[in-house]
């Protein structure tokens, strides 16, 4: 247990290098099975809710100078290593324009995909070739807020542990099962139906015309520019669209997920 009255350990060069690599290099995140969360609110929420996930906490001298007693008491209960560094060093570590002087190295959660997909009721999202970190982060946050089973991404989607995605999830990246998928056949192997969201066309049915859903359903959404991969569309059990006003060609992919998931989560399931 770290004592608030004792001095923090100074951040070493190697520890600083690791933080920078975790922020900017996917291979390092995969190898270390860790990522970085930055910001006072995010870090202190983590200390309160999931302290066991924290590998280390790094604080700038400016933050320590301004830290209030309540924050100090919360931090004093953290068992993970805590490090201090100068403001200049922290700014080199940080991935945001106006750093608050607090960041945490966090263990990536590990989920059993087979166990998740074997549940009697499954309602999840599959994102195909999603490259925009803000969209991916919003999808994860939306899925967590709607209490979905999980989110799956194609291997060529943006890394969901990258700093921009993590910020957009507002902490949901730790609460929701998230997976990378190499072969979508895993869904059919676990008796999950795929409903693909597409732009309106004669080949799609309107979302509102769907009145019940399978007990095990994956909603597939694709890259806004390219759409869903042809093999995924072919493998879909249902191709649906969200009716749009005249002159509007498509929705943002995160908006598509929010509308579709909210609608489907309120439908009865097939017997």
C-alpha atoms as a PDB file:
ATOM      1  CA  UNK A   1       0.000   0.000   0.000  1.00  0.00           C
ATOM      2  CA  UNK A   2       1.380   3.426  -0.942  1.00  0.00           C
ATOM      3  CA  UNK A   3       1.595   5.912   1.932  1.00  0.00           C
ATOM      4  CA  UNK A   4       0.586   9.448   0.911  1.00  0.00           C
ATOM      5  CA  UNK A   5       3.125  10.886   3.365  1.00  0.00           C
ATOM      6  CA  UNK A   6       6.057   9.129   1.720  1.00  0.00           C
ATOM      7  CA  UNK A   7       7.698  10.591  -1.397  1.00  0.00           C
ATOM      8  CA  UNK A   8       6.693   9.227  -4.791  1.00  0.00           C
ATOM      9  CA  UNK A   9       9.261   7.375  -6.817  1.00  0.00           C
ATOM     10  CA  UNK A  10      10.824   9.465  -9.573  1.00  0.00           C
ATOM     11  CA  UNK A  11       9.860   8.337 -13.066  1.00  0.00           C
ATOM     12  CA  UNK A  12      12.805   6.647 -14.775  1.00  0.00           C
ATOM     13  CA  UNK A  13      13.756   7.062 -18.405  1.00  0.00           C
ATOM     14  CA  UNK A  14      12.756   3.470 -19.214  1.00  0.00           C
ATOM     15  CA  UNK A  15       9.353   3.903 -17.574  1.00  0.00           C
ATOM     16  CA  UNK A  16       8.771   7.100 -19.545  1.00  0.00           C
ATOM     17  CA  UNK A  17       9.758   5.344 -22.759  1.00  0.00           C
ATOM     18  CA  UNK A  18       7.303   2.526 -22.042  1.00  0.00           C
ATOM     19  CA  UNK A  19       4.450   5.009 -21.518  1.00  0.00           C
ATOM     20  CA  UNK A  20       5.197   6.724 -24.829  1.00  0.00           C
ATOM     21  CA  UNK A  21       5.318   3.380 -26.636  1.00  0.00           C
ATOM     22  CA  UNK A  22       2.043   2.293 -25.061  1.00  0.00           C
ATOM     23  CA  UNK A  23       0.455   5.510 -26.293  1.00  0.00           C
ATOM     24  CA  UNK A  24       1.737   5.316 -29.844  1.00  0.00           C
ATOM     25  CA  UNK A  25       2.559   1.704 -30.700  1.00  0.00           C
ATOM     26  CA  UNK A  26      -0.058  -1.032 -31.061  1.00  0.00           C
ATOM     27  CA  UNK A  27       2.570  -3.792 -30.925  1.00  0.00           C
ATOM     28  CA  UNK A  28       3.772  -2.563 -27.536  1.00  0.00           C
ATOM     29  CA  UNK A  29       0.207  -2.503 -26.222  1.00  0.00           C
ATOM     30  CA  UNK A  30      -0.296  -6.068 -27.442  1.00  0.00           C
ATOM     31  CA  UNK A  31       3.010  -7.283 -25.999  1.00  0.00           C
ATOM     32  CA  UNK A  32       2.536  -5.611 -22.617  1.00  0.00           C
ATOM     33  CA  UNK A  33      -1.233  -6.272 -22.533  1.00  0.00           C
ATOM     34  CA  UNK A  34      -1.591  -2.725 -21.248  1.00  0.00           C
ATOM     35  CA  UNK A  35      -2.646   0.746 -22.367  1.00  0.00           C
ATOM     36  CA  UNK A  36      -2.747   4.315 -21.047  1.00  0.00           C
ATOM     37  CA  UNK A  37      -5.619   6.293 -19.554  1.00  0.00           C
ATOM     38  CA  UNK A  38      -5.017  10.017 -19.084  1.00  0.00           C
ATOM     39  CA  UNK A  39      -6.833  12.746 -17.161  1.00  0.00           C
ATOM     40  CA  UNK A  40      -7.724  13.339 -13.522  1.00  0.00           C
ATOM     41  CA  UNK A  41     -11.393  12.320 -13.735  1.00  0.00           C
ATOM     42  CA  UNK A  42     -10.669   9.153 -15.698  1.00  0.00           C
ATOM     43  CA  UNK A  43      -7.780   8.096 -13.460  1.00  0.00           C
ATOM     44  CA  UNK A  44      -9.618   8.727 -10.200  1.00  0.00           C
ATOM     45  CA  UNK A  45     -12.725   6.923 -11.460  1.00  0.00           C
ATOM     46  CA  UNK A  46     -10.403   4.030 -12.202  1.00  0.00           C
ATOM     47  CA  UNK A  47      -8.859   4.159  -8.718  1.00  0.00           C
ATOM     48  CA  UNK A  48     -12.337   4.055  -7.155  1.00  0.00           C
ATOM     49  CA  UNK A  49     -13.865   1.392  -9.385  1.00  0.00           C
ATOM     50  CA  UNK A  50     -11.049  -0.823 -10.721  1.00  0.00           C
ATOM     51  CA  UNK A  51      -7.863  -0.221  -8.703  1.00  0.00           C
ATOM     52  CA  UNK A  52      -6.656  -3.767  -9.444  1.00  0.00           C
ATOM     53  CA  UNK A  53      -6.435  -2.890 -13.156  1.00  0.00           C
ATOM     54  CA  UNK A  54      -3.868  -0.143 -12.577  1.00  0.00           C
ATOM     55  CA  UNK A  55      -0.207  -1.015 -13.171  1.00  0.00           C
ATOM     56  CA  UNK A  56       1.156   2.420 -12.318  1.00  0.00           C
ATOM     57  CA  UNK A  57       0.158   6.048 -11.841  1.00  0.00           C
ATOM     58  CA  UNK A  58       2.300   8.964 -13.016  1.00  0.00           C
ATOM     59  CA  UNK A  59       1.806  12.520 -11.765  1.00  0.00           C
ATOM     60  CA  UNK A  60       3.400  15.817 -12.765  1.00  0.00           C
ATOM     61  CA  UNK A  61       4.874  18.237 -10.245  1.00  0.00           C
ATOM     62  CA  UNK A  62       2.188  20.807 -11.132  1.00  0.00           C
ATOM     63  CA  UNK A  63      -0.568  18.315 -10.391  1.00  0.00           C
ATOM     64  CA  UNK A  64       0.986  17.327  -7.073  1.00  0.00           C
ATOM     65  CA  UNK A  65       1.296  20.971  -6.090  1.00  0.00           C
ATOM     66  CA  UNK A  66      -2.421  21.596  -6.743  1.00  0.00           C
ATOM     67  CA  UNK A  67      -3.761  18.230  -5.532  1.00  0.00           C
ATOM     68  CA  UNK A  68      -6.494  18.559  -2.916  1.00  0.00           C
ATOM     69  CA  UNK A  69      -6.740  16.504   0.258  1.00  0.00           C
ATOM     70  CA  UNK A  70      -9.644  14.361  -0.994  1.00  0.00           C
ATOM     71  CA  UNK A  71      -7.679  13.299  -4.082  1.00  0.00           C
ATOM     72  CA  UNK A  72      -4.609  12.618  -1.968  1.00  0.00           C
ATOM     73  CA  UNK A  73      -6.586  10.340   0.351  1.00  0.00           C
ATOM     74  CA  UNK A  74      -8.029   8.394  -2.580  1.00  0.00           C
ATOM     75  CA  UNK A  75      -4.606   8.033  -4.144  1.00  0.00           C
ATOM     76  CA  UNK A  76      -3.014   6.926  -0.874  1.00  0.00           C
ATOM     77  CA  UNK A  77      -5.128   3.744  -0.950  1.00  0.00           C
ATOM     78  CA  UNK A  78      -3.806   2.668  -4.347  1.00  0.00           C
ATOM     79  CA  UNK A  79      -1.513  -0.366  -4.174  1.00  0.00           C
ATOM     80  CA  UNK A  80       0.022   0.214  -7.624  1.00  0.00           C
ATOM     81  CA  UNK A  81       3.350   1.979  -8.131  1.00  0.00           C
ATOM     82  CA  UNK A  82       3.142   5.774  -8.251  1.00  0.00           C
ATOM     83  CA  UNK A  83       5.677   7.983  -9.981  1.00  0.00           C
ATOM     84  CA  UNK A  84       6.343  11.705 -10.198  1.00  0.00           C
ATOM     85  CA  UNK A  85       8.008  13.714 -12.945  1.00  0.00           C
ATOM     86  CA  UNK A  86       8.578  17.321 -13.974  1.00  0.00           C
ATOM     87  CA  UNK A  87       5.960  19.230 -15.935  1.00  0.00           C
ATOM     88  CA  UNK A  88       8.235  19.232 -18.978  1.00  0.00           C
ATOM     89  CA  UNK A  89       8.680  15.459 -18.881  1.00  0.00           C
ATOM     90  CA  UNK A  90       4.937  14.882 -18.436  1.00  0.00           C
ATOM     91  CA  UNK A  91       4.125  17.062 -21.447  1.00  0.00           C
ATOM     92  CA  UNK A  92       6.387  14.818 -23.537  1.00  0.00           C
ATOM     93  CA  UNK A  93       4.541  11.765 -22.256  1.00  0.00           C
ATOM     94  CA  UNK A  94       1.058  13.174 -22.734  1.00  0.00           C
ATOM     95  CA  UNK A  95      -1.080  12.598 -25.807  1.00  0.00           C
ATOM     96  CA  UNK A  96      -3.440  15.553 -25.225  1.00  0.00           C
ATOM     97  CA  UNK A  97      -3.065  19.269 -25.932  1.00  0.00           C
ATOM     98  CA  UNK A  98      -3.650  20.447 -22.368  1.00  0.00           C
ATOM     99  CA  UNK A  99      -2.458  17.654 -20.038  1.00  0.00           C
ATOM    100  CA  UNK A 100      -3.833  17.598 -16.492  1.00  0.00           C
ATOM    101  CA  UNK A 101      -0.737  15.922 -15.118  1.00  0.00           C
ATOM    102  CA  UNK A 102      -2.190  12.474 -14.325  1.00  0.00           C
ATOM    103  CA  UNK A 103      -2.011   9.254 -16.324  1.00  0.00           C
ATOM    104  CA  UNK A 104      -2.287   5.566 -15.542  1.00  0.00           C
ATOM    105  CA  UNK A 105      -0.857   2.464 -17.180  1.00  0.00           C
ATOM    106  CA  UNK A 106      -3.723  -0.037 -17.141  1.00  0.00           C
ATOM    107  CA  UNK A 107      -3.973  -3.776 -17.712  1.00  0.00           C
ATOM    108  CA  UNK A 108      -6.066  -4.778 -20.702  1.00  0.00           C
ATOM    109  CA  UNK A 109      -9.114  -6.752 -19.582  1.00  0.00           C
ATOM    110  CA  UNK A 110      -9.196 -10.366 -20.734  1.00  0.00           C
ATOM    111  CA  UNK A 111     -12.504 -11.872 -21.844  1.00  0.00           C
ATOM    112  CA  UNK A 112     -13.430 -15.421 -22.854  1.00  0.00           C
ATOM    113  CA  UNK A 113     -15.120 -15.036 -26.246  1.00  0.00           C
ATOM    114  CA  UNK A 114     -16.547 -18.571 -26.266  1.00  0.00           C
ATOM    115  CA  UNK A 115     -18.118 -18.023 -22.854  1.00  0.00           C
ATOM    116  CA  UNK A 116     -19.610 -14.709 -23.978  1.00  0.00           C
ATOM    117  CA  UNK A 117     -21.104 -16.186 -27.139  1.00  0.00           C
ATOM    118  CA  UNK A 118     -22.523 -19.215 -25.318  1.00  0.00           C
ATOM    119  CA  UNK A 119     -24.882 -17.055 -23.295  1.00  0.00           C
ATOM    120  CA  UNK A 120     -28.581 -17.775 -23.867  1.00  0.00           C
ATOM    121  CA  UNK A 121     -29.166 -14.167 -25.028  1.00  0.00           C
ATOM    122  CA  UNK A 122     -26.632 -12.312 -27.171  1.00  0.00           C
ATOM    123  CA  UNK A 123     -26.990  -8.839 -28.666  1.00  0.00           C
ATOM    124  CA  UNK A 124     -23.699  -7.465 -29.899  1.00  0.00           C
ATOM    125  CA  UNK A 125     -22.057  -5.238 -32.480  1.00  0.00           C
ATOM    126  CA  UNK A 126     -19.601  -6.195 -35.200  1.00  0.00           C
ATOM    127  CA  UNK A 127     -17.603  -3.327 -36.716  1.00  0.00           C
ATOM    128  CA  UNK A 128     -16.054  -4.009 -40.127  1.00  0.00           C
ATOM    129  CA  UNK A 129     -12.970  -1.997 -41.167  1.00  0.00           C
ATOM    130  CA  UNK A 130     -13.736   0.894 -38.800  1.00  0.00           C
ATOM    131  CA  UNK A 131     -10.792   3.308 -38.870  1.00  0.00           C
ATOM    132  CA  UNK A 132     -12.062   6.444 -37.099  1.00  0.00           C
ATOM    133  CA  UNK A 133     -11.087   6.386 -33.381  1.00  0.00           C
ATOM    134  CA  UNK A 134     -13.938   8.706 -32.390  1.00  0.00           C
ATOM    135  CA  UNK A 135     -16.519   6.441 -34.037  1.00  0.00           C
ATOM    136  CA  UNK A 136     -15.058   3.287 -32.506  1.00  0.00           C
ATOM    137  CA  UNK A 137     -14.917   4.878 -29.069  1.00  0.00           C
ATOM    138  CA  UNK A 138     -18.505   6.116 -29.333  1.00  0.00           C
ATOM    139  CA  UNK A 139     -19.704   2.675 -30.456  1.00  0.00           C
ATOM    140  CA  UNK A 140     -18.075   1.061 -27.419  1.00  0.00           C
ATOM    141  CA  UNK A 141     -19.545   3.669 -25.086  1.00  0.00           C
ATOM    142  CA  UNK A 142     -23.010   3.256 -26.638  1.00  0.00           C
ATOM    143  CA  UNK A 143     -22.857  -0.535 -26.420  1.00  0.00           C
ATOM    144  CA  UNK A 144     -21.911  -0.351 -22.745  1.00  0.00           C
ATOM    145  CA  UNK A 145     -24.674   2.170 -22.024  1.00  0.00           C
ATOM    146  CA  UNK A 146     -27.291  -0.093 -23.659  1.00  0.00           C
ATOM    147  CA  UNK A 147     -25.960  -3.128 -21.768  1.00  0.00           C
ATOM    148  CA  UNK A 148     -25.106  -5.052 -24.929  1.00  0.00           C
ATOM    149  CA  UNK A 149     -23.294  -8.371 -24.739  1.00  0.00           C
ATOM    150  CA  UNK A 150     -20.112  -7.155 -26.388  1.00  0.00           C
ATOM    151  CA  UNK A 151     -18.446  -5.548 -29.385  1.00  0.00           C
ATOM    152  CA  UNK A 152     -16.389  -7.299 -32.045  1.00  0.00           C
ATOM    153  CA  UNK A 153     -14.114  -5.531 -34.552  1.00  0.00           C
ATOM    154  CA  UNK A 154     -12.410  -6.798 -37.683  1.00  0.00           C
ATOM    155  CA  UNK A 155      -8.649  -7.060 -37.337  1.00  0.00           C
ATOM    156  CA  UNK A 156      -8.180  -4.159 -39.767  1.00  0.00           C
ATOM    157  CA  UNK A 157     -10.216  -1.795 -37.587  1.00  0.00           C
ATOM    158  CA  UNK A 158      -8.473   0.758 -35.370  1.00  0.00           C
ATOM    159  CA  UNK A 159      -7.033  -0.614 -32.120  1.00  0.00           C
ATOM    160  CA  UNK A 160      -9.626  -0.101 -29.384  1.00  0.00           C
ATOM    161  CA  UNK A 161      -6.837   0.439 -26.824  1.00  0.00           C
ATOM    162  CA  UNK A 162      -5.336   3.388 -28.722  1.00  0.00           C
ATOM    163  CA  UNK A 163      -5.401   6.630 -26.750  1.00  0.00           C
ATOM    164  CA  UNK A 164      -7.990   8.400 -28.940  1.00  0.00           C
ATOM    165  CA  UNK A 165     -10.397   5.468 -28.766  1.00  0.00           C
ATOM    166  CA  UNK A 166      -9.918   5.089 -25.013  1.00  0.00           C
ATOM    167  CA  UNK A 167     -10.749   8.764 -24.439  1.00  0.00           C
ATOM    168  CA  UNK A 168     -13.892   8.485 -26.563  1.00  0.00           C
ATOM    169  CA  UNK A 169     -15.131   5.451 -24.591  1.00  0.00           C
ATOM    170  CA  UNK A 170     -15.172   7.412 -21.300  1.00  0.00           C
ATOM    171  CA  UNK A 171     -14.024   4.330 -19.401  1.00  0.00           C
ATOM    172  CA  UNK A 172     -16.339   1.818 -21.102  1.00  0.00           C
ATOM    173  CA  UNK A 173     -13.360   0.059 -22.691  1.00  0.00           C
ATOM    174  CA  UNK A 174     -12.808  -1.658 -19.330  1.00  0.00           C
ATOM    175  CA  UNK A 175     -16.436  -2.547 -18.648  1.00  0.00           C
ATOM    176  CA  UNK A 176     -17.532  -4.157 -21.919  1.00  0.00           C
ATOM    177  CA  UNK A 177     -16.229  -7.349 -23.581  1.00  0.00           C
ATOM    178  CA  UNK A 178     -14.415  -6.278 -26.764  1.00  0.00           C
ATOM    179  CA  UNK A 179     -12.767  -8.618 -29.268  1.00  0.00           C
ATOM    180  CA  UNK A 180     -10.836  -8.679 -32.533  1.00  0.00           C
ATOM    181  CA  UNK A 181     -12.247 -11.043 -35.158  1.00  0.00           C
ATOM    182  CA  UNK A 182     -10.249 -12.850 -37.821  1.00  0.00           C
ATOM    183  CA  UNK A 183     -13.094 -14.961 -39.204  1.00  0.00           C
ATOM    184  CA  UNK A 184     -16.779 -14.035 -38.989  1.00  0.00           C
ATOM    185  CA  UNK A 185     -17.703 -17.716 -39.218  1.00  0.00           C
ATOM    186  CA  UNK A 186     -17.220 -17.799 -35.460  1.00  0.00           C
ATOM    187  CA  UNK A 187     -20.655 -16.164 -35.146  1.00  0.00           C
ATOM    188  CA  UNK A 188     -22.456 -18.902 -37.065  1.00  0.00           C
ATOM    189  CA  UNK A 189     -20.472 -21.537 -35.159  1.00  0.00           C
ATOM    190  CA  UNK A 190     -22.071 -20.149 -32.003  1.00  0.00           C
ATOM    191  CA  UNK A 191     -25.532 -19.971 -33.624  1.00  0.00           C
ATOM    192  CA  UNK A 192     -25.549 -16.171 -33.802  1.00  0.00           C
ATOM    193  CA  UNK A 193     -27.521 -14.488 -36.586  1.00  0.00           C
ATOM    194  CA  UNK A 194     -26.044 -11.474 -38.390  1.00  0.00           C
ATOM    195  CA  UNK A 195     -28.200  -8.472 -39.241  1.00  0.00           C
ATOM    196  CA  UNK A 196     -26.281  -6.053 -41.479  1.00  0.00           C
ATOM    197  CA  UNK A 197     -26.960  -2.323 -41.544  1.00  0.00           C
ATOM    198  CA  UNK A 198     -26.802  -0.993 -45.110  1.00  0.00           C
ATOM    199  CA  UNK A 199     -27.823   2.139 -46.951  1.00  0.00           C
ATOM    200  CA  UNK A 200     -31.465   2.004 -48.115  1.00  0.00           C
ATOM    201  CA  UNK A 201     -31.946   0.038 -51.337  1.00  0.00           C
ATOM    202  CA  UNK A 202     -34.380  -2.474 -52.856  1.00  0.00           C
ATOM    203  CA  UNK A 203     -32.263  -5.237 -51.251  1.00  0.00           C
ATOM    204  CA  UNK A 204     -32.823  -4.006 -47.674  1.00  0.00           C
ATOM    205  CA  UNK A 205     -35.816  -3.976 -45.360  1.00  0.00           C
ATOM    206  CA  UNK A 206     -36.700  -1.017 -43.142  1.00  0.00           C
ATOM    207  CA  UNK A 207     -35.575  -1.238 -39.540  1.00  0.00           C
ATOM    208  CA  UNK A 208     -39.095  -0.679 -38.202  1.00  0.00           C
ATOM    209  CA  UNK A 209     -40.425  -3.645 -40.178  1.00  0.00           C
ATOM    210  CA  UNK A 210     -38.422  -5.972 -37.924  1.00  0.00           C
ATOM    211  CA  UNK A 211     -40.755  -6.911 -35.057  1.00  0.00           C
ATOM    212  CA  UNK A 212     -38.782  -9.655 -33.316  1.00  0.00           C
ATOM    213  CA  UNK A 213     -35.192 -10.792 -33.280  1.00  0.00           C
ATOM    214  CA  UNK A 214     -33.247 -14.021 -32.696  1.00  0.00           C
ATOM    215  CA  UNK A 215     -32.086 -14.657 -29.141  1.00  0.00           C
ATOM    216  CA  UNK A 216     -28.493 -14.478 -30.377  1.00  0.00           C
ATOM    217  CA  UNK A 217     -27.917 -11.532 -32.712  1.00  0.00           C
ATOM    218  CA  UNK A 218     -24.931  -9.607 -34.003  1.00  0.00           C
ATOM    219  CA  UNK A 219     -25.552  -6.207 -35.647  1.00  0.00           C
ATOM    220  CA  UNK A 220     -22.943  -5.607 -38.355  1.00  0.00           C
ATOM    221  CA  UNK A 221     -21.889  -2.097 -39.400  1.00  0.00           C
ATOM    222  CA  UNK A 222     -19.240  -1.067 -41.871  1.00  0.00           C
ATOM    223  CA  UNK A 223     -16.790   1.616 -42.845  1.00  0.00           C
ATOM    224  CA  UNK A 224     -18.690   4.762 -43.911  1.00  0.00           C
ATOM    225  CA  UNK A 225     -16.771   5.066 -47.149  1.00  0.00           C
ATOM    226  CA  UNK A 226     -16.558   1.413 -48.179  1.00  0.00           C
ATOM    227  CA  UNK A 227     -19.538  -0.086 -46.416  1.00  0.00           C
ATOM    228  CA  UNK A 228     -19.612  -3.691 -45.320  1.00  0.00           C
ATOM    229  CA  UNK A 229     -17.365  -6.279 -46.955  1.00  0.00           C
ATOM    230  CA  UNK A 230     -19.204  -8.264 -49.679  1.00  0.00           C
ATOM    231  CA  UNK A 231     -18.561 -11.591 -47.936  1.00  0.00           C
ATOM    232  CA  UNK A 232     -20.140 -10.220 -44.752  1.00  0.00           C
ATOM    233  CA  UNK A 233     -23.207  -8.953 -46.604  1.00  0.00           C
ATOM    234  CA  UNK A 234     -23.534 -12.375 -48.248  1.00  0.00           C
ATOM    235  CA  UNK A 235     -23.302 -14.109 -44.863  1.00  0.00           C
ATOM    236  CA  UNK A 236     -26.000 -11.898 -43.341  1.00  0.00           C
ATOM    237  CA  UNK A 237     -29.322 -13.358 -42.302  1.00  0.00           C
ATOM    238  CA  UNK A 238     -31.033  -9.969 -42.659  1.00  0.00           C
ATOM    239  CA  UNK A 239     -30.022  -6.789 -44.493  1.00  0.00           C
ATOM    240  CA  UNK A 240     -31.756  -3.779 -43.013  1.00  0.00           C
ATOM    241  CA  UNK A 241     -31.624  -0.006 -43.397  1.00  0.00           C
ATOM    242  CA  UNK A 242     -32.660   3.048 -41.410  1.00  0.00           C
ATOM    243  CA  UNK A 243     -35.033   5.162 -43.531  1.00  0.00           C
ATOM    244  CA  UNK A 244     -33.537   8.610 -44.200  1.00  0.00           C
ATOM    245  CA  UNK A 245     -34.946  11.968 -45.222  1.00  0.00           C
ATOM    246  CA  UNK A 246     -34.732  12.945 -48.865  1.00  0.00           C
ATOM    247  CA  UNK A 247     -31.266  14.168 -49.765  1.00  0.00           C
ATOM    248  CA  UNK A 248     -29.498  12.351 -46.888  1.00  0.00           C
ATOM    249  CA  UNK A 249     -27.453   9.464 -48.243  1.00  0.00           C
ATOM    250  CA  UNK A 250     -26.229   7.807 -45.047  1.00  0.00           C
ATOM    251  CA  UNK A 251     -25.744   8.072 -41.296  1.00  0.00           C
ATOM    252  CA  UNK A 252     -22.554   8.230 -39.278  1.00  0.00           C
ATOM    253  CA  UNK A 253     -21.661   4.649 -38.306  1.00  0.00           C
ATOM    254  CA  UNK A 254     -21.810   5.426 -34.578  1.00  0.00           C
ATOM    255  CA  UNK A 255     -25.305   6.880 -35.038  1.00  0.00           C
ATOM    256  CA  UNK A 256     -26.336   3.760 -36.955  1.00  0.00           C
ATOM    257  CA  UNK A 257     -25.186   1.608 -34.051  1.00  0.00           C
ATOM    258  CA  UNK A 258     -27.010   3.743 -31.487  1.00  0.00           C
ATOM    259  CA  UNK A 259     -30.321   3.691 -33.382  1.00  0.00           C
ATOM    260  CA  UNK A 260     -30.153   0.006 -34.327  1.00  0.00           C
ATOM    261  CA  UNK A 261     -29.004  -1.271 -30.939  1.00  0.00           C
ATOM    262  CA  UNK A 262     -31.608   0.778 -29.074  1.00  0.00           C
ATOM    263  CA  UNK A 263     -34.367  -0.457 -31.375  1.00  0.00           C
ATOM    264  CA  UNK A 264     -33.342  -4.117 -31.255  1.00  0.00           C
ATOM    265  CA  UNK A 265     -32.768  -4.143 -27.488  1.00  0.00           C
ATOM    266  CA  UNK A 266     -36.450  -3.312 -26.993  1.00  0.00           C
ATOM    267  CA  UNK A 267     -37.826  -6.035 -29.297  1.00  0.00           C
ATOM    268  CA  UNK A 268     -39.111  -9.433 -28.182  1.00  0.00           C
ATOM    269  CA  UNK A 269     -37.045 -12.445 -29.158  1.00  0.00           C
ATOM    270  CA  UNK A 270     -38.163 -15.303 -31.349  1.00  0.00           C
ATOM    271  CA  UNK A 271     -39.476 -18.401 -29.537  1.00  0.00           C
END
